[in-house]
Amino acid sequence: MTPIDIGKTIRTARKAQGLRQDELAAAANVGVRFLIELEAGKPTAQLGKTLSVLSALGIDVALTAPSGAN
């Protein structure tokens, strides 16, 4: 998954929920500018803020360790 993929997923989910960017930004406690850049796939977006946006949309993130990793 790339930053562009994450941005597209966020934009699609936001639109599906009928939210404007300013509404989602407020719900996630991030700035509108951050959300705009995140949806555009900015590769240096802050992880904590990105997770807040995903959480506000109800999107779960799952990490899978490579097999054999401890």
PDB file of N, CA and C in Angstrom:
ATOM      1  N   MET A   1       0.850  -1.175   0.000  1.00  0.00           N
ATOM      2  CA  MET A   1       0.000   0.000   0.000  1.00  0.00           C
ATOM      3  C   MET A   1       0.894   1.236   0.000  1.00  0.00           C
ATOM      4  N   THR A   2       0.519   2.229  -0.784  1.00  0.00           N
ATOM      5  CA  THR A   2       1.292   3.465  -0.902  1.00  0.00           C
ATOM      6  C   THR A   2       0.531   4.621  -0.265  1.00  0.00           C
ATOM      7  N   PRO A   3       1.203   5.758  -0.032  1.00  0.00           N
ATOM      8  CA  PRO A   3       0.490   6.935   0.466  1.00  0.00           C
ATOM      9  C   PRO A   3      -0.657   7.357  -0.458  1.00  0.00           C
ATOM     10  N   ILE A   4      -0.479   7.171  -1.749  1.00  0.00           N
ATOM     11  CA  ILE A   4      -1.548   7.509  -2.702  1.00  0.00           C
ATOM     12  C   ILE A   4      -2.739   6.588  -2.498  1.00  0.00           C
ATOM     13  N   ASP A   5      -2.491   5.303  -2.270  1.00  0.00           N
ATOM     14  CA  ASP A   5      -3.577   4.352  -1.997  1.00  0.00           C
ATOM     15  C   ASP A   5      -4.341   4.739  -0.731  1.00  0.00           C
ATOM     16  N   ILE A   6      -3.607   5.132   0.311  1.00  0.00           N
ATOM     17  CA  ILE A   6      -4.247   5.541   1.562  1.00  0.00           C
ATOM     18  C   ILE A   6      -5.100   6.781   1.332  1.00  0.00           C
ATOM     19  N   GLY A   7      -4.555   7.740   0.609  1.00  0.00           N
ATOM     20  CA  GLY A   7      -5.299   8.963   0.311  1.00  0.00           C
ATOM     21  C   GLY A   7      -6.581   8.691  -0.458  1.00  0.00           C
ATOM     22  N   LYS A   8      -6.496   7.814  -1.445  1.00  0.00           N
ATOM     23  CA  LYS A   8      -7.686   7.464  -2.232  1.00  0.00           C
ATOM     24  C   LYS A   8      -8.730   6.760  -1.365  1.00  0.00           C
ATOM     25  N   THR A   9      -8.270   5.885  -0.484  1.00  0.00           N
ATOM     26  CA  THR A   9      -9.184   5.178   0.413  1.00  0.00           C
ATOM     27  C   THR A   9      -9.900   6.163   1.326  1.00  0.00           C
ATOM     28  N   ILE A  10      -9.156   7.110   1.868  1.00  0.00           N
ATOM     29  CA  ILE A  10      -9.746   8.114   2.755  1.00  0.00           C
ATOM     30  C   ILE A  10     -10.751   8.970   1.991  1.00  0.00           C
ATOM     31  N   ARG A  11     -10.382   9.439   0.814  1.00  0.00           N
ATOM     32  CA  ARG A  11     -11.289  10.273   0.018  1.00  0.00           C
ATOM     33  C   ARG A  11     -12.571   9.517  -0.332  1.00  0.00           C
ATOM     34  N   THR A  12     -12.427   8.260  -0.746  1.00  0.00           N
ATOM     35  CA  THR A  12     -13.589   7.447  -1.112  1.00  0.00           C
ATOM     36  C   THR A  12     -14.504   7.246   0.086  1.00  0.00           C
ATOM     37  N   ALA A  13     -13.927   6.918   1.244  1.00  0.00           N
ATOM     38  CA  ALA A  13     -14.733   6.696   2.448  1.00  0.00           C
ATOM     39  C   ALA A  13     -15.407   7.992   2.899  1.00  0.00           C
ATOM     40  N   ARG A  14     -14.680   9.104   2.829  1.00  0.00           N
ATOM     41  CA  ARG A  14     -15.260  10.392   3.229  1.00  0.00           C
ATOM     42  C   ARG A  14     -16.464  10.739   2.365  1.00  0.00           C
ATOM     43  N   LYS A  15     -16.310  10.580   1.064  1.00  0.00           N
ATOM     44  CA  LYS A  15     -17.410  10.906   0.150  1.00  0.00           C
ATOM     45  C   LYS A  15     -18.584   9.945   0.341  1.00  0.00           C
ATOM     46  N   ALA A  16     -18.282   8.665   0.575  1.00  0.00           N
ATOM     47  CA  ALA A  16     -19.341   7.676   0.786  1.00  0.00           C
ATOM     48  C   ALA A  16     -20.157   7.997   2.038  1.00  0.00           C
ATOM     49  N   GLN A  17     -19.500   8.630   3.025  1.00  0.00           N
ATOM     50  CA  GLN A  17     -20.187   9.007   4.260  1.00  0.00           C
ATOM     51  C   GLN A  17     -20.801  10.401   4.173  1.00  0.00           C
ATOM     52  N   GLY A  18     -20.684  11.030   3.022  1.00  0.00           N
ATOM     53  CA  GLY A  18     -21.289  12.339   2.816  1.00  0.00           C
ATOM     54  C   GLY A  18     -20.625  13.459   3.606  1.00  0.00           C
ATOM     55  N   LEU A  19     -19.334  13.322   3.868  1.00  0.00           N
ATOM     56  CA  LEU A  19     -18.619  14.323   4.650  1.00  0.00           C
ATOM     57  C   LEU A  19     -17.811  15.251   3.747  1.00  0.00           C
ATOM     58  N   ARG A  20     -17.790  16.528   4.100  1.00  0.00           N
ATOM     59  CA  ARG A  20     -16.891  17.474   3.448  1.00  0.00           C
ATOM     60  C   ARG A  20     -15.529  17.348   4.135  1.00  0.00           C
ATOM     61  N   GLN A  21     -14.503  17.850   3.474  1.00  0.00           N
ATOM     62  CA  GLN A  21     -13.168  17.779   4.062  1.00  0.00           C
ATOM     63  C   GLN A  21     -13.108  18.505   5.403  1.00  0.00           C
ATOM     64  N   ASP A  22     -13.749  19.658   5.508  1.00  0.00           N
ATOM     65  CA  ASP A  22     -13.701  20.392   6.777  1.00  0.00           C
ATOM     66  C   ASP A  22     -14.411  19.638   7.894  1.00  0.00           C
ATOM     67  N   GLU A  23     -15.467  18.915   7.552  1.00  0.00           N
ATOM     68  CA  GLU A  23     -16.195  18.135   8.555  1.00  0.00           C
ATOM     69  C   GLU A  23     -15.344  16.975   9.069  1.00  0.00           C
ATOM     70  N   LEU A  24     -14.689  16.268   8.144  1.00  0.00           N
ATOM     71  CA  LEU A  24     -13.836  15.152   8.555  1.00  0.00           C
ATOM     72  C   LEU A  24     -12.635  15.660   9.345  1.00  0.00           C
ATOM     73  N   ALA A  25     -12.061  16.752   8.902  1.00  0.00           N
ATOM     74  CA  ALA A  25     -10.919  17.320   9.618  1.00  0.00           C
ATOM     75  C   ALA A  25     -11.303  17.644  11.062  1.00  0.00           C
ATOM     76  N   ALA A  26     -12.463  18.236  11.248  1.00  0.00           N
ATOM     77  CA  ALA A  26     -12.924  18.563  12.604  1.00  0.00           C
ATOM     78  C   ALA A  26     -13.156  17.300  13.425  1.00  0.00           C
ATOM     79  N   ALA A  27     -13.766  16.283  12.821  1.00  0.00           N
ATOM     80  CA  ALA A  27     -14.045  15.028  13.533  1.00  0.00           C
ATOM     81  C   ALA A  27     -12.759  14.316  13.940  1.00  0.00           C
ATOM     82  N   ALA A  28     -11.705  14.460  13.125  1.00  0.00           N
ATOM     83  CA  ALA A  28     -10.441  13.792  13.395  1.00  0.00           C
ATOM     84  C   ALA A  28      -9.469  14.689  14.164  1.00  0.00           C
ATOM     85  N   ASN A  29      -9.891  15.930  14.418  1.00  0.00           N
ATOM     86  CA  ASN A  29      -9.052  16.896  15.130  1.00  0.00           C
ATOM     87  C   ASN A  29      -7.732  17.160  14.400  1.00  0.00           C
ATOM     88  N   VAL A  30      -7.838  17.316  13.084  1.00  0.00           N
ATOM     89  CA  VAL A  30      -6.683  17.678  12.257  1.00  0.00           C
ATOM     90  C   VAL A  30      -7.076  18.895  11.425  1.00  0.00           C
ATOM     91  N   GLY A  31      -6.101  19.541  10.828  1.00  0.00           N
ATOM     92  CA  GLY A  31      -6.376  20.688   9.983  1.00  0.00           C
ATOM     93  C   GLY A  31      -6.869  20.280   8.604  1.00  0.00           C
ATOM     94  N   VAL A  32      -7.621  21.172   7.987  1.00  0.00           N
ATOM     95  CA  VAL A  32      -8.123  20.900   6.631  1.00  0.00           C
ATOM     96  C   VAL A  32      -6.951  20.732   5.672  1.00  0.00           C
ATOM     97  N   ARG A  33      -5.932  21.563   5.815  1.00  0.00           N
ATOM     98  CA  ARG A  33      -4.761  21.476   4.925  1.00  0.00           C
ATOM     99  C   ARG A  33      -4.116  20.095   5.040  1.00  0.00           C
ATOM    100  N   PHE A  34      -4.000  19.577   6.263  1.00  0.00           N
ATOM    101  CA  PHE A  34      -3.443  18.237   6.448  1.00  0.00           C
ATOM    102  C   PHE A  34      -4.278  17.208   5.696  1.00  0.00           C
ATOM    103  N   LEU A  35      -5.595  17.297   5.834  1.00  0.00           N
ATOM    104  CA  LEU A  35      -6.477  16.331   5.182  1.00  0.00           C
ATOM    105  C   LEU A  35      -6.365  16.416   3.660  1.00  0.00           C
ATOM    106  N   ILE A  36      -6.292  17.619   3.131  1.00  0.00           N
ATOM    107  CA  ILE A  36      -6.135  17.802   1.682  1.00  0.00           C
ATOM    108  C   ILE A  36      -4.860  17.113   1.207  1.00  0.00           C
ATOM    109  N   GLU A  37      -3.772  17.346   1.930  1.00  0.00           N
ATOM    110  CA  GLU A  37      -2.495  16.733   1.553  1.00  0.00           C
ATOM    111  C   GLU A  37      -2.534  15.218   1.725  1.00  0.00           C
ATOM    112  N   LEU A  38      -3.190  14.740   2.774  1.00  0.00           N
ATOM    113  CA  LEU A  38      -3.310  13.307   3.009  1.00  0.00           C
ATOM    114  C   LEU A  38      -4.079  12.639   1.873  1.00  0.00           C
ATOM    115  N   GLU A  39      -5.192  13.231   1.477  1.00  0.00           N
ATOM    116  CA  GLU A  39      -5.984  12.671   0.375  1.00  0.00           C
ATOM    117  C   GLU A  39      -5.221  12.708  -0.948  1.00  0.00           C
ATOM    118  N   ALA A  40      -4.293  13.648  -1.071  1.00  0.00           N
ATOM    119  CA  ALA A  40      -3.484  13.749  -2.292  1.00  0.00           C
ATOM    120  C   ALA A  40      -2.323  12.749  -2.290  1.00  0.00           C
ATOM    121  N   GLY A  41      -2.138  12.045  -1.168  1.00  0.00           N
ATOM    122  CA  GLY A  41      -1.097  11.025  -1.104  1.00  0.00           C
ATOM    123  C   GLY A  41       0.254  11.534  -0.649  1.00  0.00           C
ATOM    124  N   LYS A  42       0.280  12.596   0.126  1.00  0.00           N
ATOM    125  CA  LYS A  42       1.552  13.138   0.616  1.00  0.00           C
ATOM    126  C   LYS A  42       2.311  12.055   1.387  1.00  0.00           C
ATOM    127  N   PRO A  43       3.524  11.733   0.943  1.00  0.00           N
ATOM    128  CA  PRO A  43       4.255  10.623   1.566  1.00  0.00           C
ATOM    129  C   PRO A  43       4.797  10.921   2.960  1.00  0.00           C
ATOM    130  N   THR A  44       4.837  12.186   3.359  1.00  0.00           N
ATOM    131  CA  THR A  44       5.390  12.521   4.672  1.00  0.00           C
ATOM    132  C   THR A  44       4.315  12.885   5.694  1.00  0.00           C
ATOM    133  N   ALA A  45       3.082  12.470   5.448  1.00  0.00           N
ATOM    134  CA  ALA A  45       1.986  12.756   6.385  1.00  0.00           C
ATOM    135  C   ALA A  45       2.280  12.104   7.733  1.00  0.00           C
ATOM    136  N   GLN A  46       1.977  12.821   8.808  1.00  0.00           N
ATOM    137  CA  GLN A  46       2.223  12.309  10.150  1.00  0.00           C
ATOM    138  C   GLN A  46       1.346  11.087  10.433  1.00  0.00           C
ATOM    139  N   LEU A  47       1.967  10.059  10.949  1.00  0.00           N
ATOM    140  CA  LEU A  47       1.263   8.798  11.200  1.00  0.00           C
ATOM    141  C   LEU A  47       0.139   8.961  12.214  1.00  0.00           C
ATOM    142  N   GLY A  48       0.385   9.653  13.309  1.00  0.00           N
ATOM    143  CA  GLY A  48      -0.644   9.816  14.340  1.00  0.00           C
ATOM    144  C   GLY A  48      -1.880  10.511  13.807  1.00  0.00           C
ATOM    145  N   LYS A  49      -1.682  11.564  13.046  1.00  0.00           N
ATOM    146  CA  LYS A  49      -2.817  12.289  12.468  1.00  0.00           C
ATOM    147  C   LYS A  49      -3.535  11.432  11.428  1.00  0.00           C
ATOM    148  N   THR A  50      -2.764  10.683  10.654  1.00  0.00           N
ATOM    149  CA  THR A  50      -3.368   9.788   9.652  1.00  0.00           C
ATOM    150  C   THR A  50      -4.245   8.752  10.337  1.00  0.00           C
ATOM    151  N   LEU A  51      -3.757   8.188  11.434  1.00  0.00           N
ATOM    152  CA  LEU A  51      -4.548   7.204  12.184  1.00  0.00           C
ATOM    153  C   LEU A  51      -5.806   7.837  12.764  1.00  0.00           C
ATOM    154  N   SER A  52      -5.739   9.102  13.165  1.00  0.00           N
ATOM    155  CA  SER A  52      -6.924   9.801  13.678  1.00  0.00           C
ATOM    156  C   SER A  52      -7.982   9.943  12.593  1.00  0.00           C
ATOM    157  N   VAL A  53      -7.549  10.273  11.382  1.00  0.00           N
ATOM    158  CA  VAL A  53      -8.485  10.402  10.262  1.00  0.00           C
ATOM    159  C   VAL A  53      -9.118   9.052   9.956  1.00  0.00           C
ATOM    160  N   LEU A  54      -8.297   8.003   9.883  1.00  0.00           N
ATOM    161  CA  LEU A  54      -8.836   6.665   9.617  1.00  0.00           C
ATOM    162  C   LEU A  54      -9.839   6.254  10.689  1.00  0.00           C
ATOM    163  N   SER A  55      -9.518   6.531  11.930  1.00  0.00           N
ATOM    164  CA  SER A  55     -10.422   6.196  13.028  1.00  0.00           C
ATOM    165  C   SER A  55     -11.733   6.965  12.926  1.00  0.00           C
ATOM    166  N   ALA A  56     -11.664   8.238  12.585  1.00  0.00           N
ATOM    167  CA  ALA A  56     -12.876   9.052  12.450  1.00  0.00           C
ATOM    168  C   ALA A  56     -13.788   8.515  11.354  1.00  0.00           C
ATOM    169  N   LEU A  57     -13.201   7.874  10.355  1.00  0.00           N
ATOM    170  CA  LEU A  57     -13.987   7.285   9.268  1.00  0.00           C
ATOM    171  C   LEU A  57     -14.443   5.852   9.593  1.00  0.00           C
ATOM    172  N   GLY A  58     -13.962   5.299  10.713  1.00  0.00           N
ATOM    173  CA  GLY A  58     -14.310   3.924  11.059  1.00  0.00           C
ATOM    174  C   GLY A  58     -13.499   2.895  10.303  1.00  0.00           C
ATOM    175  N   ILE A  59     -12.343   3.309   9.795  1.00  0.00           N
ATOM    176  CA  ILE A  59     -11.482   2.395   9.047  1.00  0.00           C
ATOM    177  C   ILE A  59     -10.483   1.767  10.011  1.00  0.00           C
ATOM    178  N   ASP A  60     -10.453   0.438  10.057  1.00  0.00           N
ATOM    179  CA  ASP A  60      -9.509  -0.289  10.894  1.00  0.00           C
ATOM    180  C   ASP A  60      -8.221  -0.519  10.119  1.00  0.00           C
ATOM    181  N   VAL A  61      -7.115  -0.481  10.822  1.00  0.00           N
ATOM    182  CA  VAL A  61      -5.809  -0.759  10.237  1.00  0.00           C
ATOM    183  C   VAL A  61      -5.279  -2.025  10.880  1.00  0.00           C
ATOM    184  N   ALA A  62      -4.844  -2.964  10.065  1.00  0.00           N
ATOM    185  CA  ALA A  62      -4.299  -4.212  10.575  1.00  0.00           C
ATOM    186  C   ALA A  62      -2.869  -4.376  10.074  1.00  0.00           C
ATOM    187  N   LEU A  63      -1.987  -4.772  10.955  1.00  0.00           N
ATOM    188  CA  LEU A  63      -0.603  -5.031  10.597  1.00  0.00           C
ATOM    189  C   LEU A  63      -0.361  -6.522  10.665  1.00  0.00           C
ATOM    190  N   THR A  64       0.312  -7.040   9.681  1.00  0.00           N
ATOM    191  CA  THR A  64       0.631  -8.449   9.652  1.00  0.00           C
ATOM    192  C   THR A  64       2.145  -8.603   9.567  1.00  0.00           C
ATOM    193  N   ALA A  65       2.727  -9.213  10.580  1.00  0.00           N
ATOM    194  CA  ALA A  65       4.170  -9.442  10.583  1.00  0.00           C
ATOM    195  C   ALA A  65       4.508 -10.553   9.604  1.00  0.00           C
ATOM    196  N   PRO A  66       5.676 -10.468   9.010  1.00  0.00           N
ATOM    197  CA  PRO A  66       6.093 -11.549   8.118  1.00  0.00           C
ATOM    198  C   PRO A  66       6.143 -12.862   8.884  1.00  0.00           C
ATOM    199  N   SER A  67       5.874 -13.952   8.212  1.00  0.00           N
ATOM    200  CA  SER A  67       5.913 -15.240   8.916  1.00  0.00           C
ATOM    201  C   SER A  67       7.332 -15.499   9.422  1.00  0.00           C
ATOM    202  N   GLY A  68       7.396 -16.013  10.636  1.00  0.00           N
ATOM    203  CA  GLY A  68       8.675 -16.281  11.261  1.00  0.00           C
ATOM    204  C   GLY A  68       9.187 -15.125  12.104  1.00  0.00           C
ATOM    205  N   ALA A  69       8.512 -13.960  12.023  1.00  0.00           N
ATOM    206  CA  ALA A  69       8.938 -12.812  12.833  1.00  0.00           C
ATOM    207  C   ALA A  69       8.476 -13.010  14.259  1.00  0.00           C
ATOM    208  N   ASN A  70       9.290 -12.593  15.199  1.00  0.00           N
ATOM    209  CA  ASN A  70       8.934 -12.742  16.613  1.00  0.00           C
ATOM    210  C   ASN A  70       8.335 -11.486  17.135  1.00  0.00           C
TER     211      ASN A  70
END
